[in-house]
Amino acid sequence: MASFVLVLAVTAYYAYQVGFRVAQADVAALRADLSQALASAERRQAEILGERQALVEARQQATEFKGLYDQERPSDDLRALTAMLRAKLAEGMDARRLSFVIRSARKPHDCEELGSKRFLVRTPRYRGPVATTMVRFDDAVTISAEGMGANAGHEQWFDSDRPVKVRLTASGLKAADLAGKLPLEETVAVRNSEYHFTMTAANARGWVDVATERCNFR
């Protein structure tokens, strides 16, 4: 009986030692896993902070670049002038001649109002006589226009809410076409004068009023 109790005690002690060691190993493994998890979390936190800082810097750079672009971006007038110069060069115009013309340009002065004239806009259903479908100023500039008929093209008079095509013909110059919805403005230089036209839809349907100002270059 005493031997049995001794064996049981030894077995229990051995089981305790084995269990204790297993528990210690599990705790050590858990601690190692926890340490790795904490280290991974710290690394990820550092990465997130770095990404946030990089995002802040990228946004600051984007804001700075946008500011620089807005400062350096050419205006619509400058882009239009550049396109015009390129077209003239493509047509074979000498670059030195263009440069001379630009340097010789002067701000117009001695401006005067020439009053207002009106004309009928041609449509697919109305061509009209020349006397009423065009106007002429100083025997130098002629203006006419074409548009779409009102009521989806069923009427003879033009639809003032839709774009029109205006043709300006100046003495000694190639005809220029201007398209868009009224009111429209255009400037034409003829000899030593500059004409500024403002075209608006008249109160009377089918008509366009043209207000004109003439300025001298010299």
N, C-alpha and C. Protein backbone atom coordinates (compact mmCIF):
# COMPACT_ATOMS: atom_id res chain seq x y z
N MET A 1 0.83 -1.21 0.00
CA MET A 1 0.00 0.00 0.00
C MET A 1 0.86 1.25 0.00
N ALA A 2 1.89 1.24 0.82
CA ALA A 2 2.79 2.38 0.91
C ALA A 2 3.51 2.59 -0.42
N SER A 3 3.85 1.46 -1.06
CA SER A 3 4.52 1.57 -2.36
C SER A 3 3.60 2.20 -3.40
N PHE A 4 2.32 1.83 -3.35
CA PHE A 4 1.34 2.39 -4.30
C PHE A 4 1.19 3.89 -4.12
N VAL A 5 1.15 4.29 -2.85
CA VAL A 5 1.02 5.73 -2.57
C VAL A 5 2.24 6.46 -3.05
N LEU A 6 3.40 5.85 -2.85
CA LEU A 6 4.64 6.49 -3.29
C LEU A 6 4.67 6.64 -4.81
N VAL A 7 4.25 5.57 -5.47
CA VAL A 7 4.22 5.63 -6.95
C VAL A 7 3.26 6.71 -7.41
N LEU A 8 2.11 6.76 -6.75
CA LEU A 8 1.11 7.77 -7.12
C LEU A 8 1.64 9.18 -6.90
N ALA A 9 2.37 9.36 -5.80
CA ALA A 9 2.92 10.68 -5.50
C ALA A 9 3.98 11.07 -6.52
N VAL A 10 4.83 10.08 -6.86
CA VAL A 10 5.88 10.36 -7.85
C VAL A 10 5.25 10.70 -9.20
N THR A 11 4.21 9.91 -9.53
CA THR A 11 3.53 10.16 -10.82
C THR A 11 2.90 11.55 -10.85
N ALA A 12 2.27 11.91 -9.74
CA ALA A 12 1.63 13.22 -9.66
C ALA A 12 2.66 14.33 -9.76
N TYR A 13 3.78 14.13 -9.07
CA TYR A 13 4.84 15.14 -9.12
C TYR A 13 5.39 15.28 -10.53
N TYR A 14 5.59 14.14 -11.16
CA TYR A 14 6.12 14.15 -12.53
C TYR A 14 5.14 14.85 -13.48
N ALA A 15 3.86 14.53 -13.29
CA ALA A 15 2.84 15.16 -14.14
C ALA A 15 2.81 16.66 -13.90
N TYR A 16 2.98 17.04 -12.63
CA TYR A 16 2.99 18.47 -12.31
C TYR A 16 4.16 19.16 -12.99
N GLN A 17 5.34 18.51 -12.90
CA GLN A 17 6.53 19.10 -13.51
C GLN A 17 6.37 19.22 -15.02
N VAL A 18 5.83 18.16 -15.62
CA VAL A 18 5.62 18.21 -17.08
C VAL A 18 4.62 19.29 -17.44
N GLY A 19 3.53 19.34 -16.70
CA GLY A 19 2.52 20.36 -16.98
C GLY A 19 3.06 21.76 -16.76
N PHE A 20 3.87 21.91 -15.70
CA PHE A 20 4.44 23.22 -15.41
C PHE A 20 5.36 23.68 -16.54
N ARG A 21 6.19 22.72 -17.00
CA ARG A 21 7.11 23.06 -18.08
C ARG A 21 6.36 23.37 -19.39
N VAL A 22 5.32 22.58 -19.63
CA VAL A 22 4.51 22.85 -20.83
C VAL A 22 3.86 24.22 -20.74
N ALA A 23 3.35 24.53 -19.53
CA ALA A 23 2.72 25.83 -19.33
C ALA A 23 3.73 26.95 -19.51
N GLN A 24 4.95 26.73 -18.97
CA GLN A 24 6.00 27.74 -19.15
C GLN A 24 6.33 27.94 -20.63
N ALA A 25 6.39 26.80 -21.34
CA ALA A 25 6.68 26.90 -22.78
C ALA A 25 5.57 27.64 -23.51
N ASP A 26 4.32 27.35 -23.13
CA ASP A 26 3.19 28.05 -23.77
C ASP A 26 3.23 29.54 -23.47
N VAL A 27 3.53 29.86 -22.20
CA VAL A 27 3.61 31.28 -21.82
C VAL A 27 4.73 31.97 -22.59
N ALA A 28 5.87 31.28 -22.70
CA ALA A 28 7.00 31.86 -23.43
C ALA A 28 6.63 32.08 -24.90
N ALA A 29 5.93 31.06 -25.46
CA ALA A 29 5.52 31.20 -26.86
C ALA A 29 4.53 32.35 -27.03
N LEU A 30 3.59 32.45 -26.07
CA LEU A 30 2.63 33.54 -26.13
C LEU A 30 3.32 34.89 -26.00
N ARG A 31 4.30 34.95 -25.08
CA ARG A 31 5.04 36.20 -24.92
C ARG A 31 5.80 36.55 -26.19
N ALA A 32 6.39 35.52 -26.83
CA ALA A 32 7.12 35.77 -28.07
C ALA A 32 6.17 36.25 -29.17
N ASP A 33 4.99 35.59 -29.24
CA ASP A 33 4.00 36.01 -30.24
C ASP A 33 3.53 37.44 -29.96
N LEU A 34 3.30 37.73 -28.67
CA LEU A 34 2.86 39.07 -28.30
C LEU A 34 3.92 40.10 -28.63
N SER A 35 5.18 39.75 -28.36
CA SER A 35 6.28 40.66 -28.65
C SER A 35 6.38 40.93 -30.15
N GLN A 36 6.22 39.86 -30.95
CA GLN A 36 6.26 40.02 -32.40
C GLN A 36 5.08 40.87 -32.89
N ALA A 37 3.91 40.61 -32.29
CA ALA A 37 2.73 41.38 -32.69
C ALA A 37 2.90 42.86 -32.36
N LEU A 38 3.45 43.13 -31.15
CA LEU A 38 3.68 44.53 -30.77
C LEU A 38 4.70 45.18 -31.69
N ALA A 39 5.76 44.44 -32.01
CA ALA A 39 6.78 44.99 -32.90
C ALA A 39 6.19 45.26 -34.29
N SER A 40 5.36 44.32 -34.77
CA SER A 40 4.72 44.50 -36.07
C SER A 40 3.78 45.70 -36.05
N ALA A 41 3.04 45.84 -34.94
CA ALA A 41 2.12 46.98 -34.81
C ALA A 41 2.89 48.30 -34.80
N GLU A 42 4.02 48.31 -34.10
CA GLU A 42 4.83 49.52 -34.05
C GLU A 42 5.38 49.87 -35.43
N ARG A 43 5.83 48.82 -36.16
CA ARG A 43 6.34 49.07 -37.51
C ARG A 43 5.23 49.60 -38.41
N ARG A 44 4.04 48.99 -38.28
CA ARG A 44 2.91 49.45 -39.11
C ARG A 44 2.52 50.88 -38.75
N GLN A 45 2.55 51.19 -37.44
CA GLN A 45 2.24 52.54 -37.01
C GLN A 45 3.24 53.54 -37.59
N ALA A 46 4.51 53.13 -37.58
CA ALA A 46 5.54 54.00 -38.16
C ALA A 46 5.32 54.18 -39.66
N GLU A 47 4.93 53.08 -40.33
CA GLU A 47 4.66 53.16 -41.77
C GLU A 47 3.48 54.09 -42.05
N ILE A 48 2.43 53.98 -41.22
CA ILE A 48 1.25 54.84 -41.41
C ILE A 48 1.62 56.30 -41.21
N LEU A 49 2.42 56.57 -40.15
CA LEU A 49 2.85 57.94 -39.92
C LEU A 49 3.68 58.46 -41.08
N GLY A 50 4.56 57.57 -41.60
CA GLY A 50 5.36 57.97 -42.76
C GLY A 50 4.51 58.24 -43.98
N GLU A 51 3.50 57.39 -44.21
CA GLU A 51 2.60 57.58 -45.35
C GLU A 51 1.81 58.87 -45.21
N ARG A 52 1.35 59.15 -43.98
CA ARG A 52 0.61 60.39 -43.75
C ARG A 52 1.49 61.61 -44.00
N GLN A 53 2.73 61.54 -43.54
CA GLN A 53 3.64 62.65 -43.76
C GLN A 53 3.93 62.83 -45.24
N ALA A 54 4.10 61.70 -45.94
CA ALA A 54 4.34 61.78 -47.39
C ALA A 54 3.13 62.37 -48.10
N LEU A 55 1.91 62.01 -47.64
CA LEU A 55 0.70 62.55 -48.24
C LEU A 55 0.60 64.05 -48.01
N VAL A 56 0.94 64.48 -46.78
CA VAL A 56 0.92 65.91 -46.48
C VAL A 56 1.91 66.66 -47.37
N GLU A 57 3.11 66.11 -47.51
CA GLU A 57 4.12 66.75 -48.35
C GLU A 57 3.69 66.77 -49.81
N ALA A 58 3.06 65.66 -50.26
CA ALA A 58 2.60 65.61 -51.65
C ALA A 58 1.52 66.65 -51.90
N ARG A 59 0.62 66.82 -50.94
CA ARG A 59 -0.43 67.83 -51.09
C ARG A 59 0.16 69.24 -51.10
N GLN A 60 1.15 69.46 -50.25
CA GLN A 60 1.81 70.77 -50.24
C GLN A 60 2.49 71.04 -51.57
N GLN A 61 3.17 70.02 -52.11
CA GLN A 61 3.82 70.19 -53.41
C GLN A 61 2.80 70.44 -54.51
N ALA A 62 1.68 69.70 -54.45
CA ALA A 62 0.63 69.90 -55.46
C ALA A 62 0.09 71.32 -55.40
N THR A 63 -0.11 71.83 -54.18
CA THR A 63 -0.59 73.21 -54.02
C THR A 63 0.42 74.21 -54.58
N GLU A 64 1.70 73.95 -54.29
CA GLU A 64 2.74 74.85 -54.80
C GLU A 64 2.81 74.80 -56.32
N PHE A 65 2.73 73.57 -56.88
CA PHE A 65 2.78 73.43 -58.34
C PHE A 65 1.59 74.12 -58.99
N LYS A 66 0.41 73.99 -58.38
CA LYS A 66 -0.78 74.63 -58.93
C LYS A 66 -0.62 76.15 -58.91
N GLY A 67 -0.06 76.66 -57.80
CA GLY A 67 0.17 78.10 -57.73
C GLY A 67 1.13 78.58 -58.81
N LEU A 68 2.20 77.81 -59.02
CA LEU A 68 3.16 78.17 -60.07
C LEU A 68 2.52 78.09 -61.44
N TYR A 69 1.69 77.04 -61.65
CA TYR A 69 1.02 76.89 -62.94
C TYR A 69 0.06 78.05 -63.20
N ASP A 70 -0.70 78.43 -62.16
CA ASP A 70 -1.64 79.54 -62.32
C ASP A 70 -0.90 80.83 -62.65
N GLN A 71 0.31 80.99 -62.08
CA GLN A 71 1.08 82.20 -62.36
C GLN A 71 1.62 82.20 -63.78
N GLU A 72 2.05 81.02 -64.24
CA GLU A 72 2.70 80.93 -65.55
C GLU A 72 1.74 80.60 -66.68
N ARG A 73 0.51 80.16 -66.35
CA ARG A 73 -0.43 79.74 -67.39
C ARG A 73 -0.79 80.93 -68.28
N PRO A 74 -0.66 80.77 -69.59
CA PRO A 74 -1.00 81.89 -70.48
C PRO A 74 -2.50 82.16 -70.49
N SER A 75 -2.86 83.41 -70.68
CA SER A 75 -4.27 83.78 -70.73
C SER A 75 -4.89 83.29 -72.04
N ASP A 76 -6.21 83.35 -72.10
CA ASP A 76 -6.91 82.94 -73.32
C ASP A 76 -6.47 83.82 -74.50
N ASP A 77 -6.31 85.12 -74.25
CA ASP A 77 -5.88 86.02 -75.32
C ASP A 77 -4.49 85.67 -75.83
N LEU A 78 -3.59 85.32 -74.89
CA LEU A 78 -2.23 84.98 -75.30
C LEU A 78 -2.21 83.67 -76.08
N ARG A 79 -3.03 82.69 -75.66
CA ARG A 79 -3.09 81.44 -76.40
C ARG A 79 -3.65 81.66 -77.80
N ALA A 80 -4.67 82.53 -77.90
CA ALA A 80 -5.25 82.83 -79.22
C ALA A 80 -4.23 83.53 -80.11
N LEU A 81 -3.46 84.45 -79.51
CA LEU A 81 -2.43 85.16 -80.28
C LEU A 81 -1.34 84.21 -80.73
N THR A 82 -0.94 83.29 -79.85
CA THR A 82 0.08 82.30 -80.21
C THR A 82 -0.40 81.42 -81.35
N ALA A 83 -1.66 80.99 -81.28
CA ALA A 83 -2.22 80.16 -82.35
C ALA A 83 -2.25 80.92 -83.67
N MET A 84 -2.56 82.21 -83.59
CA MET A 84 -2.61 83.04 -84.80
C MET A 84 -1.21 83.17 -85.41
N LEU A 85 -0.21 83.39 -84.57
CA LEU A 85 1.16 83.51 -85.06
C LEU A 85 1.62 82.21 -85.71
N ARG A 86 1.29 81.08 -85.08
CA ARG A 86 1.68 79.79 -85.66
C ARG A 86 1.01 79.58 -87.01
N ALA A 87 -0.26 79.98 -87.11
CA ALA A 87 -0.97 79.82 -88.38
C ALA A 87 -0.33 80.68 -89.47
N LYS A 88 0.04 81.91 -89.12
CA LYS A 88 0.68 82.79 -90.11
C LYS A 88 2.03 82.23 -90.55
N LEU A 89 2.79 81.70 -89.60
CA LEU A 89 4.08 81.10 -89.95
C LEU A 89 3.88 79.87 -90.84
N ALA A 90 2.83 79.09 -90.54
CA ALA A 90 2.54 77.91 -91.35
C ALA A 90 2.14 78.29 -92.77
N GLU A 91 1.54 79.48 -92.92
CA GLU A 91 1.15 79.96 -94.25
C GLU A 91 2.34 80.49 -95.04
N GLY A 92 3.49 80.56 -94.39
CA GLY A 92 4.68 81.04 -95.08
C GLY A 92 5.05 82.47 -94.78
N MET A 93 4.33 83.11 -93.85
CA MET A 93 4.65 84.49 -93.49
C MET A 93 6.03 84.55 -92.83
N ASP A 94 6.81 85.55 -93.22
CA ASP A 94 8.15 85.69 -92.67
C ASP A 94 8.08 86.11 -91.20
N ALA A 95 8.85 85.43 -90.35
CA ALA A 95 8.82 85.71 -88.91
C ALA A 95 9.27 87.13 -88.61
N ARG A 96 10.24 87.64 -89.38
CA ARG A 96 10.71 89.00 -89.15
C ARG A 96 9.63 90.02 -89.48
N ARG A 97 8.83 89.71 -90.50
CA ARG A 97 7.72 90.60 -90.86
C ARG A 97 6.69 90.64 -89.74
N LEU A 98 6.36 89.48 -89.20
CA LEU A 98 5.41 89.43 -88.09
C LEU A 98 5.95 90.18 -86.88
N SER A 99 7.22 90.00 -86.60
CA SER A 99 7.83 90.70 -85.48
C SER A 99 7.77 92.21 -85.68
N PHE A 100 8.01 92.66 -86.91
CA PHE A 100 7.95 94.10 -87.21
C PHE A 100 6.54 94.64 -87.00
N VAL A 101 5.54 93.88 -87.45
CA VAL A 101 4.15 94.33 -87.30
C VAL A 101 3.79 94.46 -85.83
N ILE A 102 4.22 93.49 -85.01
CA ILE A 102 3.91 93.54 -83.58
C ILE A 102 4.61 94.73 -82.92
N ARG A 103 5.87 94.94 -83.26
CA ARG A 103 6.61 96.08 -82.66
C ARG A 103 6.02 97.41 -83.09
N SER A 104 5.45 97.44 -84.29
CA SER A 104 4.91 98.70 -84.82
C SER A 104 3.51 98.99 -84.31
N ALA A 105 2.88 98.02 -83.67
CA ALA A 105 1.50 98.22 -83.20
C ALA A 105 1.46 99.31 -82.13
N ARG A 106 0.44 100.14 -82.20
CA ARG A 106 0.26 101.21 -81.24
C ARG A 106 -1.15 101.14 -80.67
N LYS A 107 -1.29 101.63 -79.47
CA LYS A 107 -2.60 101.67 -78.85
C LYS A 107 -3.47 102.68 -79.59
N PRO A 108 -4.68 102.27 -80.01
CA PRO A 108 -5.53 103.20 -80.77
C PRO A 108 -5.97 104.39 -79.93
N HIS A 109 -6.21 105.52 -80.62
CA HIS A 109 -6.66 106.72 -79.92
C HIS A 109 -7.61 107.48 -80.86
N ASP A 110 -8.07 108.62 -80.40
CA ASP A 110 -9.02 109.42 -81.18
C ASP A 110 -10.20 108.57 -81.64
N CYS A 111 -10.84 107.91 -80.69
CA CYS A 111 -11.96 107.02 -81.02
C CYS A 111 -13.26 107.82 -81.13
N GLU A 112 -14.13 107.36 -82.00
CA GLU A 112 -15.44 107.99 -82.17
C GLU A 112 -16.49 106.94 -82.50
N GLU A 113 -17.70 107.19 -82.03
CA GLU A 113 -18.81 106.30 -82.31
C GLU A 113 -19.33 106.56 -83.72
N LEU A 114 -19.55 105.49 -84.47
CA LEU A 114 -20.09 105.62 -85.82
C LEU A 114 -21.59 105.34 -85.86
N GLY A 115 -22.18 105.16 -84.69
CA GLY A 115 -23.60 104.88 -84.65
C GLY A 115 -23.88 103.39 -84.83
N SER A 116 -25.15 103.06 -84.94
CA SER A 116 -25.56 101.67 -85.03
C SER A 116 -26.30 101.42 -86.34
N LYS A 117 -26.05 100.26 -86.92
CA LYS A 117 -26.77 99.83 -88.11
C LYS A 117 -27.31 98.43 -87.85
N ARG A 118 -28.29 98.03 -88.67
CA ARG A 118 -28.86 96.69 -88.48
C ARG A 118 -29.05 96.00 -89.82
N PHE A 119 -29.06 94.68 -89.76
CA PHE A 119 -29.26 93.88 -90.97
C PHE A 119 -30.02 92.61 -90.60
N LEU A 120 -30.59 91.97 -91.61
CA LEU A 120 -31.31 90.71 -91.43
C LEU A 120 -30.34 89.53 -91.56
N VAL A 121 -30.50 88.56 -90.69
CA VAL A 121 -29.66 87.37 -90.73
C VAL A 121 -30.25 86.38 -91.73
N ARG A 122 -29.42 85.87 -92.61
CA ARG A 122 -29.89 84.87 -93.57
C ARG A 122 -30.11 83.53 -92.85
N THR A 123 -31.10 82.79 -93.31
CA THR A 123 -31.39 81.45 -92.80
C THR A 123 -31.65 80.54 -94.00
N PRO A 124 -31.73 79.24 -93.78
CA PRO A 124 -32.02 78.34 -94.91
C PRO A 124 -33.33 78.68 -95.62
N ARG A 125 -34.27 79.32 -94.91
CA ARG A 125 -35.57 79.64 -95.51
C ARG A 125 -35.68 81.11 -95.90
N TYR A 126 -34.62 81.88 -95.64
CA TYR A 126 -34.65 83.29 -96.03
C TYR A 126 -33.25 83.72 -96.46
N ARG A 127 -33.12 84.10 -97.73
CA ARG A 127 -31.84 84.60 -98.22
C ARG A 127 -31.84 86.11 -98.30
N GLY A 128 -32.93 86.70 -98.74
CA GLY A 128 -33.10 88.15 -98.71
C GLY A 128 -32.20 88.91 -99.66
N PRO A 129 -32.54 90.17 -99.95
CA PRO A 129 -31.70 91.01 -100.82
C PRO A 129 -30.46 91.50 -100.09
N VAL A 130 -29.43 91.81 -100.85
CA VAL A 130 -28.17 92.27 -100.27
C VAL A 130 -28.37 93.54 -99.46
N ALA A 131 -29.27 94.39 -99.88
CA ALA A 131 -29.47 95.68 -99.22
C ALA A 131 -29.89 95.52 -97.76
N THR A 132 -30.57 94.42 -97.43
CA THR A 132 -31.05 94.24 -96.06
C THR A 132 -30.30 93.16 -95.29
N THR A 133 -29.46 92.39 -95.94
CA THR A 133 -28.77 91.29 -95.26
C THR A 133 -27.29 91.58 -95.03
N MET A 134 -26.90 92.83 -95.17
CA MET A 134 -25.52 93.21 -94.88
C MET A 134 -25.47 94.70 -94.55
N VAL A 135 -24.42 95.11 -93.84
CA VAL A 135 -24.18 96.52 -93.56
C VAL A 135 -22.73 96.83 -93.89
N ARG A 136 -22.46 98.10 -94.19
CA ARG A 136 -21.12 98.51 -94.57
C ARG A 136 -20.75 99.78 -93.81
N PHE A 137 -19.51 99.84 -93.36
CA PHE A 137 -19.04 100.98 -92.59
C PHE A 137 -17.84 101.61 -93.30
N ASP A 138 -17.95 102.90 -93.56
CA ASP A 138 -16.87 103.68 -94.17
C ASP A 138 -16.38 103.10 -95.49
N ASP A 139 -17.22 102.37 -96.17
CA ASP A 139 -16.79 101.70 -97.40
C ASP A 139 -15.53 100.87 -97.17
N ALA A 140 -15.37 100.40 -95.93
CA ALA A 140 -14.16 99.66 -95.58
C ALA A 140 -14.45 98.27 -95.04
N VAL A 141 -15.54 98.13 -94.28
CA VAL A 141 -15.85 96.84 -93.65
C VAL A 141 -17.32 96.49 -93.92
N THR A 142 -17.54 95.26 -94.37
CA THR A 142 -18.89 94.76 -94.62
C THR A 142 -19.18 93.61 -93.67
N ILE A 143 -20.40 93.60 -93.11
CA ILE A 143 -20.78 92.56 -92.15
C ILE A 143 -22.08 91.91 -92.59
N SER A 144 -22.12 90.58 -92.53
CA SER A 144 -23.33 89.81 -92.79
C SER A 144 -23.31 88.60 -91.87
N ALA A 145 -24.42 87.85 -91.83
CA ALA A 145 -24.47 86.70 -90.93
C ALA A 145 -25.49 85.68 -91.41
N GLU A 146 -25.28 84.44 -90.97
CA GLU A 146 -26.21 83.36 -91.24
C GLU A 146 -26.52 82.64 -89.94
N GLY A 147 -27.76 82.13 -89.84
CA GLY A 147 -28.16 81.42 -88.63
C GLY A 147 -29.21 80.38 -88.93
N MET A 148 -29.64 79.69 -87.88
CA MET A 148 -30.67 78.68 -88.00
C MET A 148 -32.03 79.33 -87.78
N GLY A 149 -33.01 78.93 -88.58
CA GLY A 149 -34.34 79.49 -88.43
C GLY A 149 -34.97 79.13 -87.09
N ALA A 150 -35.80 80.03 -86.59
CA ALA A 150 -36.48 79.78 -85.32
C ALA A 150 -37.48 78.64 -85.48
N ASN A 151 -37.98 78.16 -84.33
CA ASN A 151 -38.96 77.07 -84.33
C ASN A 151 -38.40 75.85 -85.06
N ALA A 152 -37.18 75.45 -84.62
CA ALA A 152 -36.51 74.26 -85.18
C ALA A 152 -36.29 74.38 -86.68
N GLY A 153 -36.05 75.61 -87.15
CA GLY A 153 -35.74 75.82 -88.56
C GLY A 153 -36.93 76.02 -89.45
N HIS A 154 -38.14 76.06 -88.90
CA HIS A 154 -39.33 76.20 -89.72
C HIS A 154 -39.63 77.66 -90.08
N GLU A 155 -39.06 78.60 -89.31
CA GLU A 155 -39.34 80.01 -89.58
C GLU A 155 -38.26 80.62 -90.46
N GLN A 156 -38.60 81.75 -91.08
CA GLN A 156 -37.63 82.44 -91.92
C GLN A 156 -36.63 83.23 -91.08
N TRP A 157 -37.08 83.80 -89.97
CA TRP A 157 -36.17 84.58 -89.14
C TRP A 157 -35.31 83.66 -88.27
N PHE A 158 -34.13 84.15 -87.92
CA PHE A 158 -33.17 83.30 -87.21
C PHE A 158 -33.52 83.18 -85.73
N ASP A 159 -33.03 82.10 -85.13
CA ASP A 159 -33.22 81.84 -83.71
C ASP A 159 -32.08 82.52 -82.95
N SER A 160 -32.39 83.58 -82.22
CA SER A 160 -31.35 84.36 -81.53
C SER A 160 -30.75 83.63 -80.34
N ASP A 161 -31.35 82.51 -79.95
CA ASP A 161 -30.80 81.72 -78.84
C ASP A 161 -29.78 80.69 -79.32
N ARG A 162 -29.57 80.62 -80.63
CA ARG A 162 -28.62 79.66 -81.17
C ARG A 162 -27.45 80.41 -81.82
N PRO A 163 -26.32 79.74 -81.99
CA PRO A 163 -25.15 80.42 -82.57
C PRO A 163 -25.41 80.88 -84.00
N VAL A 164 -24.74 81.95 -84.37
CA VAL A 164 -24.78 82.47 -85.73
C VAL A 164 -23.35 82.52 -86.26
N LYS A 165 -23.23 82.61 -87.57
CA LYS A 165 -21.93 82.74 -88.21
C LYS A 165 -21.87 84.11 -88.87
N VAL A 166 -20.98 84.94 -88.37
CA VAL A 166 -20.83 86.31 -88.86
C VAL A 166 -19.62 86.38 -89.78
N ARG A 167 -19.78 87.05 -90.90
CA ARG A 167 -18.65 87.24 -91.83
C ARG A 167 -18.33 88.73 -91.91
N LEU A 168 -17.06 89.06 -91.66
CA LEU A 168 -16.58 90.43 -91.78
C LEU A 168 -15.60 90.48 -92.95
N THR A 169 -15.89 91.36 -93.89
CA THR A 169 -15.03 91.52 -95.06
C THR A 169 -14.48 92.94 -95.06
N ALA A 170 -13.17 93.05 -94.95
CA ALA A 170 -12.52 94.36 -94.93
C ALA A 170 -11.75 94.57 -96.22
N SER A 171 -11.68 95.80 -96.65
CA SER A 171 -10.99 96.14 -97.89
C SER A 171 -9.53 95.70 -97.83
N GLY A 172 -9.15 94.92 -98.82
CA GLY A 172 -7.76 94.50 -98.91
C GLY A 172 -7.37 93.38 -97.97
N LEU A 173 -8.34 92.84 -97.22
CA LEU A 173 -8.03 91.78 -96.26
C LEU A 173 -8.87 90.55 -96.55
N LYS A 174 -8.39 89.41 -96.08
CA LYS A 174 -9.13 88.17 -96.22
C LYS A 174 -10.35 88.19 -95.30
N ALA A 175 -11.48 87.69 -95.80
CA ALA A 175 -12.70 87.68 -95.00
C ALA A 175 -12.48 86.87 -93.72
N ALA A 176 -13.06 87.35 -92.62
CA ALA A 176 -12.94 86.68 -91.33
C ALA A 176 -14.31 86.22 -90.87
N ASP A 177 -14.38 84.98 -90.39
CA ASP A 177 -15.64 84.42 -89.89
C ASP A 177 -15.61 84.36 -88.37
N LEU A 178 -16.74 84.72 -87.78
CA LEU A 178 -16.88 84.72 -86.33
C LEU A 178 -18.15 83.96 -85.99
N ALA A 179 -18.05 82.95 -85.14
CA ALA A 179 -19.21 82.12 -84.81
C ALA A 179 -19.48 82.13 -83.31
N GLY A 180 -20.76 82.09 -82.95
CA GLY A 180 -21.13 82.05 -81.54
C GLY A 180 -22.50 82.65 -81.33
N LYS A 181 -22.94 82.63 -80.08
CA LYS A 181 -24.23 83.22 -79.74
C LYS A 181 -24.08 84.72 -79.53
N LEU A 182 -25.07 85.46 -79.96
CA LEU A 182 -25.07 86.90 -79.73
C LEU A 182 -25.26 87.19 -78.25
N PRO A 183 -24.66 88.28 -77.74
CA PRO A 183 -23.87 89.28 -78.46
C PRO A 183 -22.45 88.81 -78.76
N LEU A 184 -21.89 89.37 -79.85
CA LEU A 184 -20.53 89.06 -80.26
C LEU A 184 -19.77 90.37 -80.47
N GLU A 185 -18.47 90.31 -80.24
CA GLU A 185 -17.61 91.47 -80.47
C GLU A 185 -16.45 91.08 -81.36
N GLU A 186 -16.02 92.01 -82.19
CA GLU A 186 -14.89 91.75 -83.07
C GLU A 186 -14.21 93.08 -83.40
N THR A 187 -12.90 93.02 -83.59
CA THR A 187 -12.11 94.20 -83.95
C THR A 187 -11.40 93.93 -85.27
N VAL A 188 -11.46 94.90 -86.17
CA VAL A 188 -10.83 94.78 -87.48
C VAL A 188 -9.99 96.02 -87.74
N ALA A 189 -8.75 95.81 -88.16
CA ALA A 189 -7.86 96.93 -88.50
C ALA A 189 -7.82 97.08 -90.01
N VAL A 190 -8.13 98.28 -90.48
CA VAL A 190 -8.11 98.59 -91.91
C VAL A 190 -7.32 99.87 -92.10
N ARG A 191 -6.23 99.75 -92.85
CA ARG A 191 -5.34 100.88 -93.09
C ARG A 191 -4.92 101.50 -91.75
N ASN A 192 -5.24 102.76 -91.50
CA ASN A 192 -4.80 103.41 -90.27
C ASN A 192 -5.91 103.49 -89.22
N SER A 193 -6.96 102.71 -89.39
CA SER A 193 -8.08 102.75 -88.46
C SER A 193 -8.37 101.36 -87.90
N GLU A 194 -8.92 101.36 -86.71
CA GLU A 194 -9.35 100.12 -86.07
C GLU A 194 -10.85 100.24 -85.78
N TYR A 195 -11.60 99.25 -86.23
CA TYR A 195 -13.05 99.25 -86.03
C TYR A 195 -13.41 98.19 -84.99
N HIS A 196 -14.18 98.62 -84.01
CA HIS A 196 -14.64 97.69 -82.98
C HIS A 196 -16.15 97.55 -83.12
N PHE A 197 -16.60 96.31 -83.37
CA PHE A 197 -18.02 96.05 -83.60
C PHE A 197 -18.61 95.25 -82.44
N THR A 198 -19.80 95.65 -82.04
CA THR A 198 -20.58 94.91 -81.04
C THR A 198 -21.91 94.54 -81.67
N MET A 199 -22.15 93.24 -81.84
CA MET A 199 -23.35 92.76 -82.52
C MET A 199 -24.31 92.13 -81.52
N THR A 200 -25.54 92.61 -81.51
CA THR A 200 -26.56 92.11 -80.59
C THR A 200 -27.85 91.83 -81.36
N ALA A 201 -28.66 90.94 -80.81
CA ALA A 201 -29.96 90.65 -81.42
C ALA A 201 -30.88 91.84 -81.20
N ALA A 202 -31.49 92.32 -82.28
CA ALA A 202 -32.39 93.47 -82.20
C ALA A 202 -33.73 93.05 -81.60
N ASN A 203 -34.50 94.05 -81.17
CA ASN A 203 -35.83 93.76 -80.65
C ASN A 203 -36.73 93.19 -81.75
N ALA A 204 -36.56 93.69 -82.97
CA ALA A 204 -37.33 93.17 -84.10
C ALA A 204 -36.74 91.83 -84.51
N ARG A 205 -37.57 90.81 -84.60
CA ARG A 205 -37.07 89.47 -84.88
C ARG A 205 -36.42 89.40 -86.26
N GLY A 206 -35.34 88.65 -86.31
CA GLY A 206 -34.62 88.47 -87.57
C GLY A 206 -33.50 89.46 -87.79
N TRP A 207 -33.46 90.53 -86.99
CA TRP A 207 -32.48 91.60 -87.20
C TRP A 207 -31.35 91.53 -86.17
N VAL A 208 -30.19 92.06 -86.59
CA VAL A 208 -29.03 92.20 -85.71
C VAL A 208 -28.59 93.66 -85.73
N ASP A 209 -28.39 94.23 -84.55
CA ASP A 209 -27.87 95.59 -84.43
C ASP A 209 -26.35 95.55 -84.30
N VAL A 210 -25.68 96.46 -85.00
CA VAL A 210 -24.22 96.53 -84.96
C VAL A 210 -23.82 97.93 -84.51
N ALA A 211 -23.27 98.02 -83.29
CA ALA A 211 -22.73 99.28 -82.79
C ALA A 211 -21.24 99.32 -83.14
N THR A 212 -20.78 100.47 -83.63
CA THR A 212 -19.41 100.54 -84.16
C THR A 212 -18.65 101.73 -83.57
N GLU A 213 -17.39 101.46 -83.27
CA GLU A 213 -16.47 102.49 -82.81
C GLU A 213 -15.23 102.45 -83.71
N ARG A 214 -14.77 103.62 -84.13
CA ARG A 214 -13.58 103.70 -84.98
C ARG A 214 -12.50 104.47 -84.25
N CYS A 215 -11.29 103.90 -84.26
CA CYS A 215 -10.16 104.55 -83.60
C CYS A 215 -9.01 104.68 -84.60
N ASN A 216 -8.21 105.71 -84.42
CA ASN A 216 -7.05 105.93 -85.28
C ASN A 216 -5.81 105.34 -84.63
N PHE A 217 -4.92 104.82 -85.48
CA PHE A 217 -3.66 104.28 -84.99
C PHE A 217 -2.60 105.37 -84.87
N ARG A 218 -2.78 106.46 -85.57
CA ARG A 218 -1.75 107.51 -85.58
C ARG A 218 -2.28 108.78 -84.98
